[in-house]
Amino acid sequence: MHEGPIGPTSWTGPAAPSHDVPPPRAGRPHWREPHPVRVGPVAAGAALCGIWVLLWLLAYGNGTGEEPLTGAGFAWVTLAASTIGAVAAAALARYGDRGAAVGVAAVAGTAAGVAGLSCELYLLLTGDWILWLHRPRAATSFSRSFEQQPRRAAGSIE
């Protein structure tokens, strides 16, 4: 064995723990969000945006105009309210509370999605796009296909 200035018995063991240095952690480091999103602001943002869209729809429903209420009108009002809500969510995410922004964006996106799906369902059932170039018809090809057809005898080729 090599004989040098450090002998086999010169190591006295680990140093006593110092209170100045935190103890080492095992595993990967834990990074924490500086401004975490909490449930309360998310729920408050969702509730306020829901009230916002509902007030727009109630204002349209109580309109005093001469024209009757239409599905296209409700779709346009819902899309307008949800677009304003999405802009508000973007402003909240940048300058305000991100939790409230999440709630507002969730409700605004859901309202726009429901309006869009309603328009698509109307298009599927009637063949008419409700938002523009809308021509109300008495009967559509879809509804005519379910009219009662005269019964034919089995095996007839009429």
N, C-alpha and C. Protein backbone atom coordinates (compact mmCIF):
# COMPACT_ATOMS: atom_id res chain seq x y z
N MET A 1 0.81 -1.16 0.00
CA MET A 1 0.00 0.00 0.00
C MET A 1 0.86 1.23 0.00
N HIS A 2 0.30 2.29 -0.54
CA HIS A 2 1.06 3.52 -0.66
C HIS A 2 1.09 4.26 0.67
N GLU A 3 2.26 4.61 1.09
CA GLU A 3 2.41 5.37 2.33
C GLU A 3 2.66 6.81 1.95
N GLY A 4 1.72 7.71 2.32
CA GLY A 4 1.87 9.12 2.01
C GLY A 4 1.41 9.97 3.17
N PRO A 5 1.21 11.25 2.91
CA PRO A 5 0.81 12.13 4.00
C PRO A 5 -0.58 11.80 4.54
N ILE A 6 -1.45 11.16 3.72
CA ILE A 6 -2.78 10.80 4.19
C ILE A 6 -2.76 9.31 4.49
N GLY A 7 -2.86 9.00 5.70
CA GLY A 7 -2.82 7.60 6.09
C GLY A 7 -4.21 6.99 6.06
N PRO A 8 -4.30 5.70 6.20
CA PRO A 8 -5.59 5.03 6.14
C PRO A 8 -6.51 5.42 7.29
N THR A 9 -6.02 5.96 8.33
CA THR A 9 -6.89 6.33 9.46
C THR A 9 -7.03 7.83 9.61
N SER A 10 -6.64 8.64 8.62
CA SER A 10 -6.70 10.08 8.78
C SER A 10 -8.12 10.64 8.51
N TRP A 11 -8.99 9.88 7.86
CA TRP A 11 -10.35 10.38 7.61
C TRP A 11 -11.19 10.16 8.85
N THR A 12 -11.81 11.21 9.35
CA THR A 12 -12.55 11.11 10.60
C THR A 12 -14.05 10.93 10.41
N GLY A 13 -14.51 10.79 9.20
CA GLY A 13 -15.94 10.60 8.94
C GLY A 13 -16.57 11.88 8.40
N PRO A 14 -17.87 11.85 8.15
CA PRO A 14 -18.53 13.03 7.60
C PRO A 14 -18.52 14.17 8.60
N ALA A 15 -18.50 15.38 8.06
CA ALA A 15 -18.47 16.56 8.92
C ALA A 15 -19.81 16.71 9.62
N ALA A 16 -19.80 17.37 10.72
CA ALA A 16 -21.03 17.63 11.46
C ALA A 16 -21.93 18.51 10.60
N PRO A 17 -23.25 18.26 10.60
CA PRO A 17 -24.14 19.06 9.75
C PRO A 17 -24.13 20.52 10.16
N SER A 18 -24.02 21.38 9.16
CA SER A 18 -24.03 22.81 9.39
C SER A 18 -25.45 23.33 9.23
N HIS A 19 -25.86 24.26 10.02
CA HIS A 19 -27.21 24.82 9.91
C HIS A 19 -27.26 25.96 8.91
N ASP A 20 -26.14 26.33 8.33
CA ASP A 20 -26.12 27.41 7.34
C ASP A 20 -26.52 26.91 5.95
N VAL A 21 -26.28 25.67 5.67
CA VAL A 21 -26.53 25.10 4.35
C VAL A 21 -27.71 24.14 4.46
N PRO A 22 -28.72 24.28 3.56
CA PRO A 22 -29.84 23.34 3.63
C PRO A 22 -29.37 21.93 3.28
N PRO A 23 -30.04 20.93 3.81
CA PRO A 23 -29.63 19.56 3.52
C PRO A 23 -29.89 19.23 2.05
N PRO A 24 -29.08 18.39 1.47
CA PRO A 24 -29.28 18.03 0.06
C PRO A 24 -30.57 17.23 -0.11
N ARG A 25 -31.23 17.44 -1.26
CA ARG A 25 -32.47 16.73 -1.56
C ARG A 25 -32.17 15.57 -2.50
N ALA A 26 -32.91 14.54 -2.33
CA ALA A 26 -32.78 13.40 -3.24
C ALA A 26 -33.76 13.57 -4.39
N GLY A 27 -33.39 13.15 -5.55
CA GLY A 27 -34.29 13.18 -6.70
C GLY A 27 -34.20 14.48 -7.47
N ARG A 28 -35.22 14.70 -8.28
CA ARG A 28 -35.26 15.86 -9.15
C ARG A 28 -35.67 17.11 -8.38
N PRO A 29 -35.28 18.28 -8.87
CA PRO A 29 -35.69 19.51 -8.17
C PRO A 29 -37.19 19.77 -8.34
N HIS A 30 -37.78 20.41 -7.38
CA HIS A 30 -39.21 20.75 -7.42
C HIS A 30 -39.34 22.23 -7.75
N TRP A 31 -39.96 22.51 -8.90
CA TRP A 31 -40.17 23.89 -9.32
C TRP A 31 -41.60 24.26 -9.02
N ARG A 32 -41.81 25.37 -8.42
CA ARG A 32 -43.15 25.81 -8.05
C ARG A 32 -43.54 27.03 -8.88
N GLU A 33 -44.83 27.08 -9.22
CA GLU A 33 -45.38 28.20 -9.96
C GLU A 33 -45.36 29.44 -9.06
N PRO A 34 -44.85 30.58 -9.53
CA PRO A 34 -44.82 31.76 -8.67
C PRO A 34 -46.21 32.30 -8.34
N HIS A 35 -47.16 32.15 -9.26
CA HIS A 35 -48.53 32.63 -9.04
C HIS A 35 -49.49 31.50 -9.40
N PRO A 36 -49.72 30.55 -8.50
CA PRO A 36 -50.55 29.39 -8.86
C PRO A 36 -52.02 29.77 -9.08
N VAL A 37 -52.67 29.00 -9.92
CA VAL A 37 -54.09 29.18 -10.20
C VAL A 37 -54.87 28.41 -9.14
N ARG A 38 -55.80 29.08 -8.49
CA ARG A 38 -56.61 28.48 -7.44
C ARG A 38 -58.04 28.25 -7.93
N VAL A 39 -58.77 27.41 -7.23
CA VAL A 39 -60.12 27.04 -7.64
C VAL A 39 -61.10 28.21 -7.51
N GLY A 40 -60.97 29.00 -6.47
CA GLY A 40 -61.91 30.10 -6.25
C GLY A 40 -61.97 31.09 -7.39
N PRO A 41 -60.84 31.64 -7.84
CA PRO A 41 -60.90 32.56 -8.98
C PRO A 41 -61.40 31.91 -10.27
N VAL A 42 -61.11 30.63 -10.47
CA VAL A 42 -61.61 29.95 -11.67
C VAL A 42 -63.13 29.89 -11.63
N ALA A 43 -63.68 29.51 -10.47
CA ALA A 43 -65.14 29.43 -10.33
C ALA A 43 -65.77 30.81 -10.46
N ALA A 44 -65.14 31.83 -9.89
CA ALA A 44 -65.69 33.18 -10.00
C ALA A 44 -65.67 33.66 -11.44
N GLY A 45 -64.59 33.43 -12.16
CA GLY A 45 -64.52 33.82 -13.57
C GLY A 45 -65.54 33.09 -14.41
N ALA A 46 -65.74 31.79 -14.14
CA ALA A 46 -66.73 31.02 -14.89
C ALA A 46 -68.14 31.53 -14.61
N ALA A 47 -68.44 31.82 -13.34
CA ALA A 47 -69.77 32.31 -13.00
C ALA A 47 -70.04 33.67 -13.62
N LEU A 48 -69.07 34.56 -13.56
CA LEU A 48 -69.27 35.90 -14.14
C LEU A 48 -69.41 35.85 -15.65
N CYS A 49 -68.65 34.99 -16.31
CA CYS A 49 -68.78 34.89 -17.77
C CYS A 49 -70.11 34.24 -18.15
N GLY A 50 -70.57 33.28 -17.35
CA GLY A 50 -71.89 32.68 -17.60
C GLY A 50 -72.99 33.71 -17.48
N ILE A 51 -72.90 34.58 -16.45
CA ILE A 51 -73.87 35.66 -16.30
C ILE A 51 -73.78 36.63 -17.47
N TRP A 52 -72.56 36.90 -17.92
CA TRP A 52 -72.33 37.81 -19.06
C TRP A 52 -73.04 37.30 -20.32
N VAL A 53 -72.85 36.05 -20.65
CA VAL A 53 -73.48 35.49 -21.85
C VAL A 53 -74.99 35.44 -21.67
N LEU A 54 -75.45 35.08 -20.48
CA LEU A 54 -76.88 35.01 -20.22
C LEU A 54 -77.54 36.39 -20.34
N LEU A 55 -76.88 37.43 -19.84
CA LEU A 55 -77.43 38.78 -19.96
C LEU A 55 -77.54 39.21 -21.42
N TRP A 56 -76.55 38.87 -22.23
CA TRP A 56 -76.62 39.19 -23.66
C TRP A 56 -77.81 38.48 -24.30
N LEU A 57 -77.99 37.21 -23.98
CA LEU A 57 -79.10 36.45 -24.57
C LEU A 57 -80.45 36.98 -24.07
N LEU A 58 -80.54 37.35 -22.80
CA LEU A 58 -81.78 37.92 -22.29
C LEU A 58 -82.07 39.28 -22.92
N ALA A 59 -81.04 40.07 -23.14
CA ALA A 59 -81.23 41.36 -23.79
C ALA A 59 -81.74 41.16 -25.22
N TYR A 60 -81.22 40.17 -25.91
CA TYR A 60 -81.70 39.90 -27.27
C TYR A 60 -83.13 39.37 -27.22
N GLY A 61 -83.43 38.52 -26.27
CA GLY A 61 -84.77 37.95 -26.17
C GLY A 61 -85.83 38.97 -25.81
N ASN A 62 -85.45 40.03 -25.10
CA ASN A 62 -86.40 41.08 -24.72
C ASN A 62 -86.36 42.26 -25.67
N GLY A 63 -85.81 42.06 -26.85
CA GLY A 63 -85.72 43.15 -27.82
C GLY A 63 -87.09 43.65 -28.20
N THR A 64 -87.19 44.93 -28.47
CA THR A 64 -88.48 45.54 -28.81
C THR A 64 -88.60 45.79 -30.31
N GLY A 65 -87.73 45.20 -31.09
CA GLY A 65 -87.77 45.43 -32.53
C GLY A 65 -88.98 44.78 -33.18
N GLU A 66 -89.21 45.14 -34.42
CA GLU A 66 -90.33 44.60 -35.18
C GLU A 66 -90.05 43.20 -35.69
N GLU A 67 -88.79 42.85 -35.84
CA GLU A 67 -88.46 41.56 -36.40
C GLU A 67 -88.57 40.46 -35.34
N PRO A 68 -89.01 39.27 -35.74
CA PRO A 68 -89.16 38.19 -34.76
C PRO A 68 -87.78 37.63 -34.36
N LEU A 69 -87.76 36.97 -33.21
CA LEU A 69 -86.53 36.33 -32.74
C LEU A 69 -86.24 35.12 -33.61
N THR A 70 -84.98 34.94 -33.95
CA THR A 70 -84.59 33.81 -34.80
C THR A 70 -83.44 33.06 -34.16
N GLY A 71 -83.25 31.84 -34.63
CA GLY A 71 -82.10 31.06 -34.18
C GLY A 71 -80.79 31.69 -34.61
N ALA A 72 -80.80 32.32 -35.78
CA ALA A 72 -79.59 32.99 -36.25
C ALA A 72 -79.24 34.16 -35.33
N GLY A 73 -80.25 34.88 -34.87
CA GLY A 73 -80.00 35.99 -33.95
C GLY A 73 -79.40 35.51 -32.64
N PHE A 74 -79.95 34.43 -32.10
CA PHE A 74 -79.40 33.88 -30.87
C PHE A 74 -77.97 33.39 -31.08
N ALA A 75 -77.69 32.80 -32.23
CA ALA A 75 -76.33 32.33 -32.51
C ALA A 75 -75.36 33.51 -32.61
N TRP A 76 -75.76 34.58 -33.31
CA TRP A 76 -74.88 35.75 -33.44
C TRP A 76 -74.64 36.42 -32.10
N VAL A 77 -75.67 36.53 -31.27
CA VAL A 77 -75.51 37.15 -29.96
C VAL A 77 -74.59 36.30 -29.08
N THR A 78 -74.76 34.99 -29.12
CA THR A 78 -73.90 34.11 -28.33
C THR A 78 -72.45 34.21 -28.80
N LEU A 79 -72.24 34.23 -30.11
CA LEU A 79 -70.88 34.36 -30.63
C LEU A 79 -70.26 35.70 -30.29
N ALA A 80 -71.05 36.77 -30.31
CA ALA A 80 -70.53 38.09 -29.95
C ALA A 80 -70.15 38.13 -28.47
N ALA A 81 -71.02 37.61 -27.60
CA ALA A 81 -70.74 37.62 -26.16
C ALA A 81 -69.53 36.76 -25.83
N SER A 82 -69.41 35.61 -26.49
CA SER A 82 -68.27 34.73 -26.19
C SER A 82 -66.97 35.30 -26.77
N THR A 83 -67.04 36.03 -27.86
CA THR A 83 -65.83 36.68 -28.40
C THR A 83 -65.35 37.77 -27.45
N ILE A 84 -66.27 38.57 -26.94
CA ILE A 84 -65.88 39.60 -25.97
C ILE A 84 -65.34 38.93 -24.71
N GLY A 85 -65.93 37.82 -24.30
CA GLY A 85 -65.41 37.08 -23.15
C GLY A 85 -64.01 36.54 -23.39
N ALA A 86 -63.73 36.08 -24.60
CA ALA A 86 -62.40 35.57 -24.91
C ALA A 86 -61.36 36.68 -24.88
N VAL A 87 -61.74 37.87 -25.36
CA VAL A 87 -60.82 39.01 -25.29
C VAL A 87 -60.57 39.39 -23.82
N ALA A 88 -61.62 39.36 -23.02
CA ALA A 88 -61.46 39.65 -21.59
C ALA A 88 -60.58 38.59 -20.92
N ALA A 89 -60.71 37.34 -21.32
CA ALA A 89 -59.86 36.29 -20.76
C ALA A 89 -58.39 36.50 -21.12
N ALA A 90 -58.14 36.94 -22.35
CA ALA A 90 -56.76 37.21 -22.76
C ALA A 90 -56.19 38.37 -21.96
N ALA A 91 -57.00 39.41 -21.73
CA ALA A 91 -56.53 40.55 -20.93
C ALA A 91 -56.29 40.14 -19.49
N LEU A 92 -57.17 39.31 -18.94
CA LEU A 92 -56.97 38.82 -17.57
C LEU A 92 -55.72 37.96 -17.46
N ALA A 93 -55.47 37.14 -18.45
CA ALA A 93 -54.29 36.28 -18.41
C ALA A 93 -53.01 37.10 -18.47
N ARG A 94 -53.04 38.20 -19.20
CA ARG A 94 -51.83 39.02 -19.35
C ARG A 94 -51.63 39.98 -18.18
N TYR A 95 -52.72 40.63 -17.76
CA TYR A 95 -52.59 41.71 -16.79
C TYR A 95 -53.25 41.43 -15.44
N GLY A 96 -54.08 40.41 -15.34
CA GLY A 96 -54.85 40.20 -14.12
C GLY A 96 -54.64 38.82 -13.53
N ASP A 97 -55.72 38.26 -13.07
CA ASP A 97 -55.71 36.96 -12.40
C ASP A 97 -55.86 35.85 -13.44
N ARG A 98 -54.87 34.96 -13.48
CA ARG A 98 -54.91 33.88 -14.47
C ARG A 98 -55.97 32.85 -14.15
N GLY A 99 -56.31 32.69 -12.88
CA GLY A 99 -57.39 31.76 -12.52
C GLY A 99 -58.72 32.22 -13.06
N ALA A 100 -59.01 33.51 -12.91
CA ALA A 100 -60.25 34.05 -13.47
C ALA A 100 -60.24 33.96 -14.99
N ALA A 101 -59.07 34.13 -15.59
CA ALA A 101 -58.96 34.02 -17.05
C ALA A 101 -59.31 32.61 -17.51
N VAL A 102 -58.90 31.61 -16.75
CA VAL A 102 -59.23 30.22 -17.11
C VAL A 102 -60.73 30.00 -17.06
N GLY A 103 -61.39 30.49 -16.01
CA GLY A 103 -62.83 30.32 -15.90
C GLY A 103 -63.59 31.05 -17.00
N VAL A 104 -63.19 32.27 -17.29
CA VAL A 104 -63.84 33.05 -18.35
C VAL A 104 -63.64 32.36 -19.71
N ALA A 105 -62.43 31.92 -19.97
CA ALA A 105 -62.15 31.28 -21.26
C ALA A 105 -62.92 29.96 -21.41
N ALA A 106 -63.06 29.22 -20.33
CA ALA A 106 -63.79 27.95 -20.39
C ALA A 106 -65.25 28.18 -20.74
N VAL A 107 -65.89 29.14 -20.09
CA VAL A 107 -67.31 29.39 -20.35
C VAL A 107 -67.51 30.03 -21.72
N ALA A 108 -66.64 30.97 -22.09
CA ALA A 108 -66.76 31.61 -23.40
C ALA A 108 -66.56 30.58 -24.53
N GLY A 109 -65.60 29.71 -24.37
CA GLY A 109 -65.38 28.67 -25.37
C GLY A 109 -66.53 27.69 -25.45
N THR A 110 -67.10 27.34 -24.30
CA THR A 110 -68.24 26.43 -24.29
C THR A 110 -69.45 27.07 -24.97
N ALA A 111 -69.70 28.34 -24.68
CA ALA A 111 -70.84 29.04 -25.31
C ALA A 111 -70.66 29.11 -26.82
N ALA A 112 -69.46 29.44 -27.27
CA ALA A 112 -69.21 29.50 -28.71
C ALA A 112 -69.33 28.11 -29.34
N GLY A 113 -68.87 27.10 -28.63
CA GLY A 113 -68.99 25.73 -29.15
C GLY A 113 -70.42 25.28 -29.28
N VAL A 114 -71.25 25.60 -28.28
CA VAL A 114 -72.67 25.22 -28.34
C VAL A 114 -73.35 25.96 -29.49
N ALA A 115 -73.05 27.23 -29.66
CA ALA A 115 -73.64 27.98 -30.78
C ALA A 115 -73.19 27.39 -32.12
N GLY A 116 -71.91 27.05 -32.22
CA GLY A 116 -71.41 26.46 -33.46
C GLY A 116 -72.03 25.10 -33.75
N LEU A 117 -72.15 24.27 -32.72
CA LEU A 117 -72.77 22.95 -32.93
C LEU A 117 -74.24 23.08 -33.29
N SER A 118 -74.93 24.07 -32.72
CA SER A 118 -76.33 24.28 -33.07
C SER A 118 -76.46 24.68 -34.54
N CYS A 119 -75.56 25.54 -35.00
CA CYS A 119 -75.58 25.94 -36.42
C CYS A 119 -75.28 24.75 -37.33
N GLU A 120 -74.33 23.92 -36.92
CA GLU A 120 -74.01 22.74 -37.73
C GLU A 120 -75.16 21.74 -37.75
N LEU A 121 -75.84 21.58 -36.63
CA LEU A 121 -76.99 20.67 -36.58
C LEU A 121 -78.11 21.19 -37.47
N TYR A 122 -78.34 22.50 -37.45
CA TYR A 122 -79.35 23.09 -38.33
C TYR A 122 -78.98 22.86 -39.79
N LEU A 123 -77.69 23.03 -40.11
CA LEU A 123 -77.24 22.78 -41.48
C LEU A 123 -77.44 21.32 -41.87
N LEU A 124 -77.14 20.42 -40.97
CA LEU A 124 -77.29 19.00 -41.25
C LEU A 124 -78.75 18.63 -41.47
N LEU A 125 -79.63 19.18 -40.66
CA LEU A 125 -81.04 18.81 -40.74
C LEU A 125 -81.79 19.49 -41.87
N THR A 126 -81.43 20.72 -42.20
CA THR A 126 -82.20 21.47 -43.20
C THR A 126 -81.45 21.74 -44.49
N GLY A 127 -80.13 21.64 -44.46
CA GLY A 127 -79.35 21.98 -45.64
C GLY A 127 -79.20 23.47 -45.83
N ASP A 128 -79.46 24.25 -44.79
CA ASP A 128 -79.43 25.71 -44.87
C ASP A 128 -78.48 26.23 -43.79
N TRP A 129 -77.55 27.11 -44.17
CA TRP A 129 -76.62 27.69 -43.21
C TRP A 129 -77.32 28.86 -42.54
N ILE A 130 -77.47 28.79 -41.22
CA ILE A 130 -78.34 29.71 -40.51
C ILE A 130 -77.72 31.09 -40.32
N LEU A 131 -76.40 31.22 -40.31
CA LEU A 131 -75.78 32.48 -39.92
C LEU A 131 -75.83 33.54 -41.03
N TRP A 132 -75.73 33.16 -42.26
CA TRP A 132 -75.87 34.12 -43.35
C TRP A 132 -76.38 33.38 -44.57
N LEU A 133 -76.92 34.14 -45.49
CA LEU A 133 -77.57 33.58 -46.69
C LEU A 133 -78.66 32.60 -46.29
N HIS A 134 -79.39 32.97 -45.25
CA HIS A 134 -80.43 32.09 -44.72
C HIS A 134 -81.74 32.36 -45.44
N ARG A 135 -82.33 31.32 -46.01
CA ARG A 135 -83.61 31.41 -46.67
C ARG A 135 -84.56 30.43 -46.01
N PRO A 136 -85.43 30.90 -45.15
CA PRO A 136 -86.37 29.97 -44.50
C PRO A 136 -87.25 29.30 -45.55
N ARG A 137 -87.45 28.03 -45.41
CA ARG A 137 -88.26 27.27 -46.35
C ARG A 137 -89.37 26.55 -45.59
N ALA A 138 -90.46 26.30 -46.28
CA ALA A 138 -91.57 25.61 -45.65
C ALA A 138 -91.21 24.16 -45.37
N ALA A 139 -90.64 23.50 -46.34
CA ALA A 139 -90.24 22.11 -46.16
C ALA A 139 -88.89 21.91 -46.85
N THR A 140 -88.04 21.16 -46.23
CA THR A 140 -86.72 20.93 -46.81
C THR A 140 -86.65 19.51 -47.33
N SER A 141 -85.58 19.24 -48.03
CA SER A 141 -85.40 17.89 -48.58
C SER A 141 -85.32 16.86 -47.47
N PHE A 142 -84.78 17.25 -46.32
CA PHE A 142 -84.67 16.31 -45.21
C PHE A 142 -86.05 15.98 -44.66
N SER A 143 -86.89 16.99 -44.47
CA SER A 143 -88.21 16.72 -43.90
C SER A 143 -89.11 16.03 -44.93
N ARG A 144 -88.91 16.31 -46.23
CA ARG A 144 -89.71 15.64 -47.25
C ARG A 144 -89.38 14.16 -47.35
N SER A 145 -88.19 13.78 -46.97
CA SER A 145 -87.83 12.37 -47.10
C SER A 145 -88.56 11.51 -46.08
N PHE A 146 -89.14 12.13 -45.04
CA PHE A 146 -89.85 11.35 -44.04
C PHE A 146 -91.36 11.41 -44.21
N GLU A 147 -91.83 12.03 -45.30
CA GLU A 147 -93.27 12.06 -45.55
C GLU A 147 -93.75 10.65 -45.85
N GLN A 148 -95.04 10.44 -45.61
CA GLN A 148 -95.62 9.12 -45.85
C GLN A 148 -95.64 8.83 -47.36
N GLN A 149 -95.04 7.75 -47.73
CA GLN A 149 -95.04 7.31 -49.11
C GLN A 149 -96.12 6.22 -49.25
N PRO A 150 -96.77 6.16 -50.41
CA PRO A 150 -97.76 5.08 -50.58
C PRO A 150 -97.09 3.72 -50.51
N ARG A 151 -97.75 2.79 -49.86
CA ARG A 151 -97.18 1.44 -49.70
C ARG A 151 -97.32 0.68 -51.02
N ARG A 152 -96.29 -0.06 -51.33
CA ARG A 152 -96.31 -0.89 -52.52
C ARG A 152 -96.39 -2.34 -52.10
N ALA A 153 -96.91 -3.11 -52.97
CA ALA A 153 -97.02 -4.54 -52.69
C ALA A 153 -95.60 -5.13 -52.70
N ALA A 154 -95.38 -6.13 -51.87
CA ALA A 154 -94.08 -6.77 -51.78
C ALA A 154 -93.73 -7.39 -53.13
N GLY A 155 -92.54 -7.15 -53.59
CA GLY A 155 -92.08 -7.72 -54.84
C GLY A 155 -92.47 -6.94 -56.08
N SER A 156 -93.22 -5.83 -55.93
CA SER A 156 -93.60 -5.07 -57.12
C SER A 156 -92.43 -4.24 -57.58
N ILE A 157 -92.38 -4.00 -58.87
CA ILE A 157 -91.28 -3.22 -59.44
C ILE A 157 -91.78 -1.90 -60.01
N GLU A 158 -92.82 -1.40 -59.44
CA GLU A 158 -93.37 -0.13 -59.93
C GLU A 158 -92.46 1.01 -59.64
